[in-house]
């Protein structure tokens, strides 16, 4: 399910960026959470915002299980 993170929650196991309060996340049935939707990474050399598609969206394009619980 999709949700907004209410407090910082450590590191995303896919991109290794911090899961921060206010990030849009996906919560899997195993209760693991990952970035969902656009993730703001900062500014590039031209001072333009850098973002990418949510980690779990890209993961599920090629995988069918949780990155941390592949046997589930």
PDB file of N, CA and C in Angstrom:
ATOM      1  N   UNK A   1       0.844  -1.191   0.000  1.00  0.00           N
ATOM      2  CA  UNK A   1       0.000   0.000   0.000  1.00  0.00           C
ATOM      3  C   UNK A   1       0.884   1.248   0.000  1.00  0.00           C
ATOM      4  N   UNK A   2       0.352   2.337  -0.490  1.00  0.00           N
ATOM      5  CA  UNK A   2       1.097   3.599  -0.559  1.00  0.00           C
ATOM      6  C   UNK A   2       0.755   4.462   0.647  1.00  0.00           C
ATOM      7  N   UNK A   3       1.760   5.145   1.185  1.00  0.00           N
ATOM      8  CA  UNK A   3       1.565   5.934   2.398  1.00  0.00           C
ATOM      9  C   UNK A   3       2.621   7.040   2.429  1.00  0.00           C
ATOM     10  N   UNK A   4       2.476   7.972   3.359  1.00  0.00           N
ATOM     11  CA  UNK A   4       3.479   9.014   3.591  1.00  0.00           C
ATOM     12  C   UNK A   4       4.133   8.709   4.931  1.00  0.00           C
ATOM     13  N   UNK A   5       5.439   8.706   4.950  1.00  0.00           N
ATOM     14  CA  UNK A   5       6.185   8.343   6.150  1.00  0.00           C
ATOM     15  C   UNK A   5       6.019   9.403   7.228  1.00  0.00           C
ATOM     16  N   UNK A   6       5.638   8.986   8.437  1.00  0.00           N
ATOM     17  CA  UNK A   6       5.382   9.924   9.529  1.00  0.00           C
ATOM     18  C   UNK A   6       6.636  10.262  10.329  1.00  0.00           C
ATOM     19  N   UNK A   7       7.699   9.455  10.194  1.00  0.00           N
ATOM     20  CA  UNK A   7       8.961   9.750  10.872  1.00  0.00           C
ATOM     21  C   UNK A   7      10.097   9.080  10.097  1.00  0.00           C
ATOM     22  N   UNK A   8      11.313   9.554  10.287  1.00  0.00           N
ATOM     23  CA  UNK A   8      12.470   8.961   9.627  1.00  0.00           C
ATOM     24  C   UNK A   8      12.517   7.467   9.952  1.00  0.00           C
ATOM     25  N   UNK A   9      12.924   6.653   8.954  1.00  0.00           N
ATOM     26  CA  UNK A   9      12.867   5.206   9.165  1.00  0.00           C
ATOM     27  C   UNK A   9      14.104   4.476   8.672  1.00  0.00           C
ATOM     28  N   UNK A  10      15.256   5.111   8.700  1.00  0.00           N
ATOM     29  CA  UNK A  10      16.472   4.418   8.302  1.00  0.00           C
ATOM     30  C   UNK A  10      16.700   4.448   6.802  1.00  0.00           C
ATOM     31  N   UNK A  11      17.290   3.399   6.289  1.00  0.00           N
ATOM     32  CA  UNK A  11      17.775   3.359   4.917  1.00  0.00           C
ATOM     33  C   UNK A  11      16.894   2.486   4.021  1.00  0.00           C
ATOM     34  N   UNK A  12      16.619   2.953   2.828  1.00  0.00           N
ATOM     35  CA  UNK A  12      15.916   2.151   1.824  1.00  0.00           C
ATOM     36  C   UNK A  12      16.872   1.059   1.350  1.00  0.00           C
ATOM     37  N   UNK A  13      16.457  -0.191   1.403  1.00  0.00           N
ATOM     38  CA  UNK A  13      17.327  -1.308   1.035  1.00  0.00           C
ATOM     39  C   UNK A  13      17.617  -1.366  -0.464  1.00  0.00           C
ATOM     40  N   UNK A  14      16.879  -0.612  -1.265  1.00  0.00           N
ATOM     41  CA  UNK A  14      17.095  -0.638  -2.711  1.00  0.00           C
ATOM     42  C   UNK A  14      18.081   0.438  -3.135  1.00  0.00           C
ATOM     43  N   UNK A  15      17.820   1.711  -2.789  1.00  0.00           N
ATOM     44  CA  UNK A  15      18.686   2.807  -3.250  1.00  0.00           C
ATOM     45  C   UNK A  15      19.708   3.237  -2.198  1.00  0.00           C
ATOM     46  N   UNK A  16      19.534   2.777  -0.967  1.00  0.00           N
ATOM     47  CA  UNK A  16      20.414   3.092   0.161  1.00  0.00           C
ATOM     48  C   UNK A  16      20.331   4.542   0.612  1.00  0.00           C
ATOM     49  N   UNK A  17      19.338   5.288   0.124  1.00  0.00           N
ATOM     50  CA  UNK A  17      19.085   6.650   0.607  1.00  0.00           C
ATOM     51  C   UNK A  17      18.212   6.561   1.854  1.00  0.00           C
ATOM     52  N   UNK A  18      18.279   7.578   2.687  1.00  0.00           N
ATOM     53  CA  UNK A  18      17.482   7.607   3.910  1.00  0.00           C
ATOM     54  C   UNK A  18      15.998   7.730   3.591  1.00  0.00           C
ATOM     55  N   UNK A  19      15.181   6.994   4.328  1.00  0.00           N
ATOM     56  CA  UNK A  19      13.728   7.143   4.290  1.00  0.00           C
ATOM     57  C   UNK A  19      13.393   8.232   5.296  1.00  0.00           C
ATOM     58  N   UNK A  20      12.922   9.389   4.801  1.00  0.00           N
ATOM     59  CA  UNK A  20      12.728  10.538   5.665  1.00  0.00           C
ATOM     60  C   UNK A  20      11.255  10.890   5.815  1.00  0.00           C
ATOM     61  N   UNK A  21      10.941  11.513   6.938  1.00  0.00           N
ATOM     62  CA  UNK A  21       9.580  11.959   7.209  1.00  0.00           C
ATOM     63  C   UNK A  21       9.064  12.733   6.002  1.00  0.00           C
ATOM     64  N   UNK A  22       7.852  12.402   5.570  1.00  0.00           N
ATOM     65  CA  UNK A  22       7.230  13.069   4.434  1.00  0.00           C
ATOM     66  C   UNK A  22       7.434  12.363   3.110  1.00  0.00           C
ATOM     67  N   UNK A  23       8.375  11.389   3.036  1.00  0.00           N
ATOM     68  CA  UNK A  23       8.579  10.625   1.808  1.00  0.00           C
ATOM     69  C   UNK A  23       7.344   9.776   1.517  1.00  0.00           C
ATOM     70  N   UNK A  24       7.033   9.619   0.241  1.00  0.00           N
ATOM     71  CA  UNK A  24       5.985   8.681  -0.169  1.00  0.00           C
ATOM     72  C   UNK A  24       6.619   7.305  -0.200  1.00  0.00           C
ATOM     73  N   UNK A  25       5.967   6.367   0.465  1.00  0.00           N
ATOM     74  CA  UNK A  25       6.523   5.017   0.583  1.00  0.00           C
ATOM     75  C   UNK A  25       5.501   3.973   0.146  1.00  0.00           C
ATOM     76  N   UNK A  26       6.012   2.797  -0.143  1.00  0.00           N
ATOM     77  CA  UNK A  26       5.177   1.619  -0.340  1.00  0.00           C
ATOM     78  C   UNK A  26       5.444   0.698   0.846  1.00  0.00           C
ATOM     79  N   UNK A  27       4.376   0.209   1.447  1.00  0.00           N
ATOM     80  CA  UNK A  27       4.506  -0.734   2.569  1.00  0.00           C
ATOM     81  C   UNK A  27       4.021  -2.086   2.050  1.00  0.00           C
ATOM     82  N   UNK A  28       4.924  -3.045   2.026  1.00  0.00           N
ATOM     83  CA  UNK A  28       4.604  -4.375   1.521  1.00  0.00           C
ATOM     84  C   UNK A  28       3.912  -5.207   2.593  1.00  0.00           C
ATOM     85  N   UNK A  29       3.293  -6.335   2.217  1.00  0.00           N
ATOM     86  CA  UNK A  29       2.620  -7.186   3.209  1.00  0.00           C
ATOM     87  C   UNK A  29       3.543  -7.646   4.343  1.00  0.00           C
ATOM     88  N   UNK A  30       4.841  -7.768   4.063  1.00  0.00           N
ATOM     89  CA  UNK A  30       5.799  -8.180   5.102  1.00  0.00           C
ATOM     90  C   UNK A  30       6.164  -7.011   6.022  1.00  0.00           C
ATOM     91  N   UNK A  31       5.591  -5.821   5.772  1.00  0.00           N
ATOM     92  CA  UNK A  31       5.778  -4.580   6.510  1.00  0.00           C
ATOM     93  C   UNK A  31       7.079  -3.838   6.182  1.00  0.00           C
ATOM     94  N   UNK A  32       7.850  -4.326   5.224  1.00  0.00           N
ATOM     95  CA  UNK A  32       9.026  -3.583   4.755  1.00  0.00           C
ATOM     96  C   UNK A  32       8.546  -2.346   4.004  1.00  0.00           C
ATOM     97  N   UNK A  33       9.343  -1.268   4.058  1.00  0.00           N
ATOM     98  CA  UNK A  33       8.973  -0.036   3.358  1.00  0.00           C
ATOM     99  C   UNK A  33      10.096   0.414   2.438  1.00  0.00           C
ATOM    100  N   UNK A  34       9.684   1.020   1.318  1.00  0.00           N
ATOM    101  CA  UNK A  34      10.604   1.493   0.297  1.00  0.00           C
ATOM    102  C   UNK A  34      10.056   2.771  -0.309  1.00  0.00           C
ATOM    103  N   UNK A  35      10.925   3.545  -0.971  1.00  0.00           N
ATOM    104  CA  UNK A  35      10.469   4.748  -1.671  1.00  0.00           C
ATOM    105  C   UNK A  35       9.458   4.394  -2.757  1.00  0.00           C
ATOM    106  N   UNK A  36       8.459   5.242  -2.912  1.00  0.00           N
ATOM    107  CA  UNK A  36       7.444   5.079  -3.958  1.00  0.00           C
ATOM    108  C   UNK A  36       7.228   6.452  -4.575  1.00  0.00           C
ATOM    109  N   UNK A  37       6.975   6.486  -5.869  1.00  0.00           N
ATOM    110  CA  UNK A  37       6.774   7.762  -6.542  1.00  0.00           C
ATOM    111  C   UNK A  37       8.093   8.486  -6.733  1.00  0.00           C
ATOM    112  N   UNK A  38       8.057   9.796  -6.874  1.00  0.00           N
ATOM    113  CA  UNK A  38       9.272  10.578  -7.103  1.00  0.00           C
ATOM    114  C   UNK A  38      10.043  10.773  -5.802  1.00  0.00           C
ATOM    115  N   UNK A  39      11.347  10.521  -5.849  1.00  0.00           N
ATOM    116  CA  UNK A  39      12.223  10.705  -4.702  1.00  0.00           C
ATOM    117  C   UNK A  39      13.166  11.850  -5.021  1.00  0.00           C
ATOM    118  N   UNK A  40      13.210  12.855  -4.167  1.00  0.00           N
ATOM    119  CA  UNK A  40      14.080  14.017  -4.373  1.00  0.00           C
ATOM    120  C   UNK A  40      15.472  13.686  -3.865  1.00  0.00           C
ATOM    121  N   UNK A  41      16.471  13.750  -4.760  1.00  0.00           N
ATOM    122  CA  UNK A  41      17.844  13.422  -4.379  1.00  0.00           C
ATOM    123  C   UNK A  41      18.716  14.630  -4.128  1.00  0.00           C
ATOM    124  N   UNK A  42      18.275  15.812  -4.519  1.00  0.00           N
ATOM    125  CA  UNK A  42      19.086  17.001  -4.319  1.00  0.00           C
ATOM    126  C   UNK A  42      19.126  17.840  -5.580  1.00  0.00           C
ATOM    127  N   UNK A  43      20.180  18.616  -5.696  1.00  0.00           N
ATOM    128  CA  UNK A  43      20.336  19.502  -6.844  1.00  0.00           C
ATOM    129  C   UNK A  43      21.527  19.044  -7.673  1.00  0.00           C
ATOM    130  N   UNK A  44      21.381  19.131  -8.993  1.00  0.00           N
ATOM    131  CA  UNK A  44      22.520  18.783  -9.833  1.00  0.00           C
ATOM    132  C   UNK A  44      23.427  19.998 -10.016  1.00  0.00           C
ATOM    133  N   UNK A  45      24.421  19.873 -10.839  1.00  0.00           N
ATOM    134  CA  UNK A  45      25.410  20.936 -11.028  1.00  0.00           C
ATOM    135  C   UNK A  45      24.800  22.223 -11.580  1.00  0.00           C
ATOM    136  N   UNK A  46      23.655  22.118 -12.255  1.00  0.00           N
ATOM    137  CA  UNK A  46      22.973  23.296 -12.802  1.00  0.00           C
ATOM    138  C   UNK A  46      21.890  23.792 -11.837  1.00  0.00           C
ATOM    139  N   UNK A  47      21.903  23.286 -10.617  1.00  0.00           N
ATOM    140  CA  UNK A  47      20.920  23.649  -9.584  1.00  0.00           C
ATOM    141  C   UNK A  47      19.493  23.299  -9.991  1.00  0.00           C
ATOM    142  N   UNK A  48      19.357  22.177 -10.681  1.00  0.00           N
ATOM    143  CA  UNK A  48      18.041  21.655 -11.014  1.00  0.00           C
ATOM    144  C   UNK A  48      17.758  20.481 -10.092  1.00  0.00           C
ATOM    145  N   UNK A  49      16.496  20.300  -9.731  1.00  0.00           N
ATOM    146  CA  UNK A  49      16.133  19.187  -8.855  1.00  0.00           C
ATOM    147  C   UNK A  49      16.414  17.859  -9.553  1.00  0.00           C
ATOM    148  N   UNK A  50      16.931  16.921  -8.791  1.00  0.00           N
ATOM    149  CA  UNK A  50      17.204  15.586  -9.301  1.00  0.00           C
ATOM    150  C   UNK A  50      16.262  14.624  -8.588  1.00  0.00           C
ATOM    151  N   UNK A  51      15.484  13.874  -9.350  1.00  0.00           N
ATOM    152  CA  UNK A  51      14.543  12.908  -8.780  1.00  0.00           C
ATOM    153  C   UNK A  51      14.562  11.655  -9.642  1.00  0.00           C
ATOM    154  N   UNK A  52      14.026  10.575  -9.131  1.00  0.00           N
ATOM    155  CA  UNK A  52      13.899   9.363  -9.922  1.00  0.00           C
ATOM    156  C   UNK A  52      12.628   8.646  -9.523  1.00  0.00           C
ATOM    157  N   UNK A  53      12.226   7.687 -10.345  1.00  0.00           N
ATOM    158  CA  UNK A  53      11.031   6.907 -10.049  1.00  0.00           C
ATOM    159  C   UNK A  53      11.258   6.105  -8.784  1.00  0.00           C
ATOM    160  N   UNK A  54      10.221   5.898  -8.020  1.00  0.00           N
ATOM    161  CA  UNK A  54      10.335   5.190  -6.749  1.00  0.00           C
ATOM    162  C   UNK A  54      11.032   3.854  -6.859  1.00  0.00           C
ATOM    163  N   UNK A  55      11.838   3.567  -5.869  1.00  0.00           N
ATOM    164  CA  UNK A  55      12.656   2.356  -5.850  1.00  0.00           C
ATOM    165  C   UNK A  55      11.833   1.095  -6.052  1.00  0.00           C
ATOM    166  N   UNK A  56      10.746   0.980  -5.303  1.00  0.00           N
ATOM    167  CA  UNK A  56       9.981  -0.264  -5.344  1.00  0.00           C
ATOM    168  C   UNK A  56       9.289  -0.431  -6.700  1.00  0.00           C
ATOM    169  N   UNK A  57       8.927   0.685  -7.353  1.00  0.00           N
ATOM    170  CA  UNK A  57       8.320   0.601  -8.682  1.00  0.00           C
ATOM    171  C   UNK A  57       9.292  -0.037  -9.664  1.00  0.00           C
ATOM    172  N   UNK A  58      10.535   0.449  -9.663  1.00  0.00           N
ATOM    173  CA  UNK A  58      11.555  -0.106 -10.556  1.00  0.00           C
ATOM    174  C   UNK A  58      11.885  -1.543 -10.181  1.00  0.00           C
ATOM    175  N   UNK A  59      11.951  -1.837  -8.886  1.00  0.00           N
ATOM    176  CA  UNK A  59      12.254  -3.201  -8.424  1.00  0.00           C
ATOM    177  C   UNK A  59      11.232  -4.185  -8.964  1.00  0.00           C
ATOM    178  N   UNK A  60       9.949  -3.843  -8.854  1.00  0.00           N
ATOM    179  CA  UNK A  60       8.892  -4.761  -9.274  1.00  0.00           C
ATOM    180  C   UNK A  60       8.756  -4.876 -10.790  1.00  0.00           C
ATOM    181  N   UNK A  61       9.451  -4.043 -11.557  1.00  0.00           N
ATOM    182  CA  UNK A  61       9.472  -4.227 -13.007  1.00  0.00           C
ATOM    183  C   UNK A  61      10.213  -5.506 -13.375  1.00  0.00           C
ATOM    184  N   UNK A  62      11.151  -5.939 -12.539  1.00  0.00           N
ATOM    185  CA  UNK A  62      11.941  -7.138 -12.846  1.00  0.00           C
ATOM    186  C   UNK A  62      11.895  -8.202 -11.753  1.00  0.00           C
ATOM    187  N   UNK A  63      11.293  -7.908 -10.610  1.00  0.00           N
ATOM    188  CA  UNK A  63      11.224  -8.852  -9.494  1.00  0.00           C
ATOM    189  C   UNK A  63       9.786  -8.985  -9.014  1.00  0.00           C
ATOM    190  N   UNK A  64       9.496 -10.066  -8.311  1.00  0.00           N
ATOM    191  CA  UNK A  64       8.138 -10.294  -7.814  1.00  0.00           C
ATOM    192  C   UNK A  64       8.065 -10.530  -6.310  1.00  0.00           C
ATOM    193  N   UNK A  65       9.146 -10.188  -5.583  1.00  0.00           N
ATOM    194  CA  UNK A  65       9.140 -10.390  -4.135  1.00  0.00           C
ATOM    195  C   UNK A  65       9.841  -9.236  -3.448  1.00  0.00           C
ATOM    196  N   UNK A  66       9.704  -9.175  -2.158  1.00  0.00           N
ATOM    197  CA  UNK A  66      10.369  -8.157  -1.348  1.00  0.00           C
ATOM    198  C   UNK A  66      11.881  -8.307  -1.475  1.00  0.00           C
ATOM    199  N   UNK A  67      12.629  -7.208  -1.641  1.00  0.00           N
ATOM    200  CA  UNK A  67      14.085  -7.304  -1.737  1.00  0.00           C
ATOM    201  C   UNK A  67      14.750  -7.905  -0.497  1.00  0.00           C
ATOM    202  N   UNK A  68      14.109  -7.742   0.648  1.00  0.00           N
ATOM    203  CA  UNK A  68      14.694  -8.249   1.891  1.00  0.00           C
ATOM    204  C   UNK A  68      14.160  -9.619   2.277  1.00  0.00           C
ATOM    205  N   UNK A  69      13.064 -10.059   1.647  1.00  0.00           N
ATOM    206  CA  UNK A  69      12.439 -11.357   1.938  1.00  0.00           C
ATOM    207  C   UNK A  69      12.100 -12.064   0.623  1.00  0.00           C
ATOM    208  N   UNK A  70      13.087 -12.431  -0.177  1.00  0.00           N
ATOM    209  CA  UNK A  70      12.815 -12.990  -1.504  1.00  0.00           C
ATOM    210  C   UNK A  70      12.040 -14.304  -1.493  1.00  0.00           C
ATOM    211  N   UNK A  71      12.029 -15.023  -0.382  1.00  0.00           N
ATOM    212  CA  UNK A  71      11.320 -16.303  -0.346  1.00  0.00           C
ATOM    213  C   UNK A  71       9.847 -16.151   0.024  1.00  0.00           C
ATOM    214  N   UNK A  72       9.429 -14.943   0.430  1.00  0.00           N
ATOM    215  CA  UNK A  72       8.021 -14.727   0.840  1.00  0.00           C
ATOM    216  C   UNK A  72       7.112 -14.651  -0.361  1.00  0.00           C
TER     217      UNK A  72
END
